Amino acid sequence: MALTYFKRFRMEIDVAGRVLVPPPPQGYRFVPWDRSLLGAHAEVKYRSFRHEIDAAVFPCFCDLSGCYRLMEEIVYRKDFLPECTWLAARVDAGGQVQEYCGTVQGVREHGRLGAVQNLGIAPEHRGRSIGTGLLLRALQGFRKQGLRRVYLEVTADNFGAVRLYRRLGFKVVKTTYRAVEAAVS
């Protein structure tokens, strides 16, 4: 086994001001947290990350059971914030859910910071502002909880995610390197 290092950014935003939350894109809706949706969050997380760089950084993304365990770890934390946890769903003309396709979760860190967990959009639904809508709903939830600062961590080579976070006002405040064991061929 050899170590591979992945460059990661810690990015922060101040949400003290008003967070404008756009309506969902046509054909989609955003669904607030409900305990019955834990499996849907895990399944979307798996579809969103299994073939991405983050699956190399966090091997739990490589299989559905790992994503399910991760979701359980998040939602059973005492500092889990349901109001910052959302799903995106593709809906039919009558508004009925056809499939879930985006997920985000939020937790409180150290009593005073919000932390965005695993914003993920299934590949076939990217480019429709779904990630923007989910993230802004999470930020609004943090603000309603009285949290002024929110952070997230992102792999630097996840260019689309970094671009989204910068566009919404997140700033890089720290760069770290995560060591991951990789098989040598």
C-alpha atoms as a PDB file:
ATOM      1  CA  MET A   1       0.000   0.000   0.000  1.00  0.00           C
ATOM      2  CA  ALA A   2       1.138   3.520  -0.796  1.00  0.00           C
ATOM      3  CA  LEU A   3      -0.180   6.828   0.430  1.00  0.00           C
ATOM      4  CA  THR A   4      -1.848   9.252  -1.944  1.00  0.00           C
ATOM      5  CA  TYR A   5      -2.494  12.815  -0.825  1.00  0.00           C
ATOM      6  CA  PHE A   6      -5.564  14.796  -1.805  1.00  0.00           C
ATOM      7  CA  LYS A   7      -5.596  18.572  -1.516  1.00  0.00           C
ATOM      8  CA  ARG A   8      -8.714  19.791   0.300  1.00  0.00           C
ATOM      9  CA  PHE A   9     -10.107  23.265   0.887  1.00  0.00           C
ATOM     10  CA  ARG A  10     -11.973  24.390   3.948  1.00  0.00           C
ATOM     11  CA  MET A  11     -14.328  27.087   2.717  1.00  0.00           C
ATOM     12  CA  GLU A  12     -16.466  29.398   4.853  1.00  0.00           C
ATOM     13  CA  ILE A  13     -19.296  31.855   4.387  1.00  0.00           C
ATOM     14  CA  ASP A  14     -21.031  34.390   6.644  1.00  0.00           C
ATOM     15  CA  VAL A  15     -24.812  33.834   6.488  1.00  0.00           C
ATOM     16  CA  ALA A  16     -25.818  36.650   8.839  1.00  0.00           C
ATOM     17  CA  GLY A  17     -27.561  38.497   6.028  1.00  0.00           C
ATOM     18  CA  ARG A  18     -30.609  37.378   4.135  1.00  0.00           C
ATOM     19  CA  VAL A  19     -30.242  34.144   2.181  1.00  0.00           C
ATOM     20  CA  LEU A  20     -32.253  34.293  -1.038  1.00  0.00           C
ATOM     21  CA  VAL A  21     -33.604  30.865  -1.902  1.00  0.00           C
ATOM     22  CA  PRO A  22     -34.652  30.420  -5.534  1.00  0.00           C
ATOM     23  CA  PRO A  23     -37.542  28.183  -6.553  1.00  0.00           C
ATOM     24  CA  PRO A  24     -36.609  24.706  -7.758  1.00  0.00           C
ATOM     25  CA  PRO A  25     -35.906  24.183 -11.446  1.00  0.00           C
ATOM     26  CA  GLN A  26     -38.917  23.136 -13.515  1.00  0.00           C
ATOM     27  CA  GLY A  27     -39.642  19.442 -13.023  1.00  0.00           C
ATOM     28  CA  TYR A  28     -37.979  19.309  -9.599  1.00  0.00           C
ATOM     29  CA  ARG A  29     -38.844  20.019  -5.997  1.00  0.00           C
ATOM     30  CA  PHE A  30     -36.907  20.213  -2.764  1.00  0.00           C
ATOM     31  CA  VAL A  31     -37.936  17.915   0.076  1.00  0.00           C
ATOM     32  CA  PRO A  32     -37.117  18.747   3.728  1.00  0.00           C
ATOM     33  CA  TRP A  33     -35.646  16.172   6.097  1.00  0.00           C
ATOM     34  CA  ASP A  34     -37.828  13.375   7.355  1.00  0.00           C
ATOM     35  CA  ARG A  35     -36.486  10.275   9.122  1.00  0.00           C
ATOM     36  CA  SER A  36     -38.251   8.062   6.559  1.00  0.00           C
ATOM     37  CA  LEU A  37     -35.958   9.549   3.868  1.00  0.00           C
ATOM     38  CA  LEU A  38     -32.651   8.383   5.374  1.00  0.00           C
ATOM     39  CA  GLY A  39     -32.345   5.599   2.777  1.00  0.00           C
ATOM     40  CA  ALA A  40     -33.133   8.016  -0.061  1.00  0.00           C
ATOM     41  CA  HIS A  41     -30.349  10.336   1.124  1.00  0.00           C
ATOM     42  CA  ALA A  42     -27.917   7.383   1.253  1.00  0.00           C
ATOM     43  CA  GLU A  43     -28.889   6.180  -2.216  1.00  0.00           C
ATOM     44  CA  VAL A  44     -28.487   9.654  -3.751  1.00  0.00           C
ATOM     45  CA  LYS A  45     -25.159  10.101  -1.956  1.00  0.00           C
ATOM     46  CA  TYR A  46     -23.975   6.795  -3.465  1.00  0.00           C
ATOM     47  CA  ARG A  47     -25.125   7.708  -6.988  1.00  0.00           C
ATOM     48  CA  SER A  48     -23.572  11.172  -6.660  1.00  0.00           C
ATOM     49  CA  PHE A  49     -20.129  10.205  -5.382  1.00  0.00           C
ATOM     50  CA  ARG A  50     -19.325   6.593  -6.349  1.00  0.00           C
ATOM     51  CA  HIS A  51     -17.495   7.514  -9.583  1.00  0.00           C
ATOM     52  CA  GLU A  52     -16.095  10.843  -8.394  1.00  0.00           C
ATOM     53  CA  ILE A  53     -12.773  11.832  -6.841  1.00  0.00           C
ATOM     54  CA  ASP A  54     -14.413  11.923  -3.398  1.00  0.00           C
ATOM     55  CA  ALA A  55     -14.880   8.142  -3.534  1.00  0.00           C
ATOM     56  CA  ALA A  56     -11.076   7.847  -3.560  1.00  0.00           C
ATOM     57  CA  VAL A  57     -10.816  10.260  -0.635  1.00  0.00           C
ATOM     58  CA  PHE A  58     -13.710   8.691   1.314  1.00  0.00           C
ATOM     59  CA  PRO A  59     -14.089   4.993   0.431  1.00  0.00           C
ATOM     60  CA  CYS A  60     -17.517   4.814   2.133  1.00  0.00           C
ATOM     61  CA  PHE A  61     -18.893   6.504  -1.016  1.00  0.00           C
ATOM     62  CA  CYS A  62     -17.950   3.433  -3.085  1.00  0.00           C
ATOM     63  CA  ASP A  63     -20.861   1.335  -1.876  1.00  0.00           C
ATOM     64  CA  LEU A  64     -24.456   1.879  -0.870  1.00  0.00           C
ATOM     65  CA  SER A  65     -24.027   0.352   2.584  1.00  0.00           C
ATOM     66  CA  GLY A  66     -21.139   2.752   3.297  1.00  0.00           C
ATOM     67  CA  CYS A  67     -23.339   5.699   2.318  1.00  0.00           C
ATOM     68  CA  TYR A  68     -26.129   4.389   4.519  1.00  0.00           C
ATOM     69  CA  ARG A  69     -23.752   4.093   7.510  1.00  0.00           C
ATOM     70  CA  LEU A  70     -22.481   7.621   6.846  1.00  0.00           C
ATOM     71  CA  MET A  71     -26.040   8.973   6.771  1.00  0.00           C
ATOM     72  CA  GLU A  72     -26.799   7.220  10.070  1.00  0.00           C
ATOM     73  CA  GLU A  73     -23.662   8.716  11.627  1.00  0.00           C
ATOM     74  CA  ILE A  74     -24.751  12.186  10.522  1.00  0.00           C
ATOM     75  CA  VAL A  75     -28.413  12.030  11.553  1.00  0.00           C
ATOM     76  CA  TYR A  76     -27.775  10.382  14.918  1.00  0.00           C
ATOM     77  CA  ARG A  77     -25.338  13.092  16.003  1.00  0.00           C
ATOM     78  CA  LYS A  78     -26.712  15.273  18.776  1.00  0.00           C
ATOM     79  CA  ASP A  79     -25.809  18.326  16.679  1.00  0.00           C
ATOM     80  CA  PHE A  80     -27.609  17.163  13.495  1.00  0.00           C
ATOM     81  CA  LEU A  81     -29.709  19.976  11.997  1.00  0.00           C
ATOM     82  CA  PRO A  82     -32.818  18.668  10.209  1.00  0.00           C
ATOM     83  CA  GLU A  83     -33.636  22.168   8.890  1.00  0.00           C
ATOM     84  CA  CYS A  84     -30.346  22.119   6.935  1.00  0.00           C
ATOM     85  CA  THR A  85     -30.934  18.675   5.435  1.00  0.00           C
ATOM     86  CA  TRP A  86     -32.710  18.400   2.080  1.00  0.00           C
ATOM     87  CA  LEU A  87     -33.318  16.145  -0.878  1.00  0.00           C
ATOM     88  CA  ALA A  88     -33.946  17.205  -4.471  1.00  0.00           C
ATOM     89  CA  ALA A  89     -36.516  15.192  -6.387  1.00  0.00           C
ATOM     90  CA  ARG A  90     -37.437  14.959 -10.046  1.00  0.00           C
ATOM     91  CA  VAL A  91     -41.225  15.117 -10.191  1.00  0.00           C
ATOM     92  CA  ASP A  92     -43.899  14.411 -12.779  1.00  0.00           C
ATOM     93  CA  ALA A  93     -46.435  16.973 -14.032  1.00  0.00           C
ATOM     94  CA  GLY A  94     -48.627  16.235 -10.999  1.00  0.00           C
ATOM     95  CA  GLY A  95     -45.769  16.884  -8.566  1.00  0.00           C
ATOM     96  CA  GLN A  96     -45.264  13.220  -7.631  1.00  0.00           C
ATOM     97  CA  VAL A  97     -41.669  12.175  -6.918  1.00  0.00           C
ATOM     98  CA  GLN A  98     -40.188  10.119  -9.736  1.00  0.00           C
ATOM     99  CA  GLU A  99     -36.682   9.891  -8.284  1.00  0.00           C
ATOM    100  CA  TYR A 100     -34.494  11.577  -5.726  1.00  0.00           C
ATOM    101  CA  CYS A 101     -31.426  13.142  -7.298  1.00  0.00           C
ATOM    102  CA  GLY A 102     -29.717  15.520  -4.840  1.00  0.00           C
ATOM    103  CA  THR A 103     -28.844  15.581  -1.157  1.00  0.00           C
ATOM    104  CA  VAL A 104     -27.295  17.835   1.468  1.00  0.00           C
ATOM    105  CA  GLN A 105     -27.034  17.574   5.244  1.00  0.00           C
ATOM    106  CA  GLY A 106     -26.081  20.026   7.962  1.00  0.00           C
ATOM    107  CA  VAL A 107     -24.690  19.775  11.480  1.00  0.00           C
ATOM    108  CA  ARG A 108     -23.642  22.206  14.182  1.00  0.00           C
ATOM    109  CA  GLU A 109     -19.924  22.182  15.030  1.00  0.00           C
ATOM    110  CA  HIS A 110     -18.527  23.385  18.339  1.00  0.00           C
ATOM    111  CA  GLY A 111     -21.876  25.012  19.146  1.00  0.00           C
ATOM    112  CA  ARG A 112     -21.272  28.042  16.938  1.00  0.00           C
ATOM    113  CA  LEU A 113     -20.464  26.908  13.400  1.00  0.00           C
ATOM    114  CA  GLY A 114     -22.605  25.268  10.773  1.00  0.00           C
ATOM    115  CA  ALA A 115     -21.057  22.480   8.725  1.00  0.00           C
ATOM    116  CA  VAL A 116     -22.376  21.410   5.337  1.00  0.00           C
ATOM    117  CA  GLN A 117     -22.102  17.654   4.855  1.00  0.00           C
ATOM    118  CA  ASN A 118     -21.931  15.919   1.484  1.00  0.00           C
ATOM    119  CA  LEU A 119     -23.734  18.078  -1.053  1.00  0.00           C
ATOM    120  CA  GLY A 120     -24.229  15.646  -3.918  1.00  0.00           C
ATOM    121  CA  ILE A 121     -26.148  15.664  -7.197  1.00  0.00           C
ATOM    122  CA  ALA A 122     -26.583  12.513  -9.301  1.00  0.00           C
ATOM    123  CA  PRO A 123     -24.561  13.002 -12.519  1.00  0.00           C
ATOM    124  CA  GLU A 124     -27.543  12.951 -14.894  1.00  0.00           C
ATOM    125  CA  HIS A 125     -29.122  15.883 -13.005  1.00  0.00           C
ATOM    126  CA  ARG A 126     -26.130  18.204 -12.813  1.00  0.00           C
ATOM    127  CA  GLY A 127     -26.096  21.576 -14.532  1.00  0.00           C
ATOM    128  CA  ARG A 128     -29.683  22.459 -13.566  1.00  0.00           C
ATOM    129  CA  SER A 129     -28.979  24.602 -10.460  1.00  0.00           C
ATOM    130  CA  ILE A 130     -30.116  21.798  -8.145  1.00  0.00           C
ATOM    131  CA  GLY A 131     -26.908  21.992  -6.101  1.00  0.00           C
ATOM    132  CA  THR A 132     -27.344  25.749  -5.763  1.00  0.00           C
ATOM    133  CA  GLY A 133     -30.927  25.303  -4.546  1.00  0.00           C
ATOM    134  CA  LEU A 134     -30.012  22.616  -2.017  1.00  0.00           C
ATOM    135  CA  LEU A 135     -27.047  24.554  -0.662  1.00  0.00           C
ATOM    136  CA  LEU A 136     -29.019  27.792  -0.308  1.00  0.00           C
ATOM    137  CA  ARG A 137     -31.778  25.934   1.580  1.00  0.00           C
ATOM    138  CA  ALA A 138     -29.155  24.491   3.919  1.00  0.00           C
ATOM    139  CA  LEU A 139     -27.611  27.951   4.450  1.00  0.00           C
ATOM    140  CA  GLN A 140     -31.044  29.385   5.211  1.00  0.00           C
ATOM    141  CA  GLY A 141     -31.524  26.624   7.794  1.00  0.00           C
ATOM    142  CA  PHE A 142     -28.206  27.464   9.466  1.00  0.00           C
ATOM    143  CA  ARG A 143     -29.167  31.132   9.613  1.00  0.00           C
ATOM    144  CA  LYS A 144     -32.553  30.284  11.158  1.00  0.00           C
ATOM    145  CA  GLN A 145     -30.681  28.285  13.796  1.00  0.00           C
ATOM    146  CA  GLY A 146     -28.739  31.426  14.706  1.00  0.00           C
ATOM    147  CA  LEU A 147     -25.461  30.295  13.179  1.00  0.00           C
ATOM    148  CA  ARG A 148     -23.555  33.053  11.479  1.00  0.00           C
ATOM    149  CA  ARG A 149     -20.608  31.136   9.998  1.00  0.00           C
ATOM    150  CA  VAL A 150     -20.908  28.003   7.898  1.00  0.00           C
ATOM    151  CA  TYR A 151     -18.128  25.901   6.490  1.00  0.00           C
ATOM    152  CA  LEU A 152     -17.625  22.937   4.231  1.00  0.00           C
ATOM    153  CA  GLU A 153     -14.681  20.940   2.996  1.00  0.00           C
ATOM    154  CA  VAL A 154     -14.122  20.070  -0.638  1.00  0.00           C
ATOM    155  CA  THR A 155     -11.473  18.236  -2.614  1.00  0.00           C
ATOM    156  CA  ALA A 156      -9.575  20.894  -4.571  1.00  0.00           C
ATOM    157  CA  ASP A 157      -9.792  18.870  -7.807  1.00  0.00           C
ATOM    158  CA  ASN A 158     -13.600  18.861  -7.623  1.00  0.00           C
ATOM    159  CA  PHE A 159     -13.618  21.926  -9.857  1.00  0.00           C
ATOM    160  CA  GLY A 160     -17.389  22.142 -10.359  1.00  0.00           C
ATOM    161  CA  ALA A 161     -18.073  22.107  -6.625  1.00  0.00           C
ATOM    162  CA  VAL A 162     -15.337  24.652  -5.863  1.00  0.00           C
ATOM    163  CA  ARG A 163     -16.723  26.929  -8.594  1.00  0.00           C
ATOM    164  CA  LEU A 164     -20.259  26.660  -7.137  1.00  0.00           C
ATOM    165  CA  TYR A 165     -19.108  27.428  -3.600  1.00  0.00           C
ATOM    166  CA  ARG A 166     -17.064  30.438  -4.723  1.00  0.00           C
ATOM    167  CA  ARG A 167     -19.989  31.743  -6.805  1.00  0.00           C
ATOM    168  CA  LEU A 168     -22.219  31.605  -3.723  1.00  0.00           C
ATOM    169  CA  GLY A 169     -19.692  33.502  -1.604  1.00  0.00           C
ATOM    170  CA  PHE A 170     -17.631  30.822   0.135  1.00  0.00           C
ATOM    171  CA  LYS A 171     -13.963  31.714   0.644  1.00  0.00           C
ATOM    172  CA  VAL A 172     -11.039  29.332   1.091  1.00  0.00           C
ATOM    173  CA  VAL A 173      -9.777  29.753   4.657  1.00  0.00           C
ATOM    174  CA  LYS A 174      -7.516  26.724   4.917  1.00  0.00           C
ATOM    175  CA  THR A 175      -5.849  24.132   2.712  1.00  0.00           C
ATOM    176  CA  THR A 176      -5.176  20.632   4.024  1.00  0.00           C
ATOM    177  CA  TYR A 177      -3.959  17.362   2.585  1.00  0.00           C
ATOM    178  CA  ARG A 178      -5.737  14.096   3.291  1.00  0.00           C
ATOM    179  CA  ALA A 179      -3.633  10.941   3.150  1.00  0.00           C
ATOM    180  CA  VAL A 180      -5.403   7.904   1.706  1.00  0.00           C
ATOM    181  CA  GLU A 181      -3.972   4.405   1.358  1.00  0.00           C
ATOM    182  CA  ALA A 182      -3.996   3.276  -2.259  1.00  0.00           C
ATOM    183  CA  ALA A 183      -3.128  -0.108  -3.710  1.00  0.00           C
ATOM    184  CA  VAL A 184       0.071  -0.177  -5.722  1.00  0.00           C
ATOM    185  CA  SER A 185      -0.257  -1.935  -9.082  1.00  0.00           C
END
